[in-house]
Amino acid sequence: MWIVDGLRHAFQMFWEVWWALVLGFALSGIVQAWVPRARLERALGGRRLREVFAGPASLLAGAAEAGDPLATLPALFHLMWRQELVADVRRERLGPATQVRAAGTGR
């Protein structure tokens, strides 16, 4: 009987995660399809982040300079994921004082 209970719980967990992922990806796809890229960048602060991090700046100070840190950090991490902004994490973990810069602007 415990196997049946385990399978039932596993299915319930799958269902709770699955519908949320499908809904999230669907909404993200709709936004990306109908909202122009320039408008998304303006809303997320991408252009301002590129200006702030044209030269090396610490992660948290640069995010604060670009605007509200809680609002700009997701866009900052997205630009790092796309490798438009880079940080040297070989020496230390990514943290508030980590130096971030635009890709291709020296070390």
Foldseek 3Di string as FASTA:
>chain_A
DVVVVVVVVVVVVCVVVVVVVVVVVVVVVVCPVPPDPVVVCVQQQVVLLQVLQQDKDFDQVSCVVSHPNVSNVVVVVVCVVVQQKHFDPPVHHRDRRTIIHGPPPDD
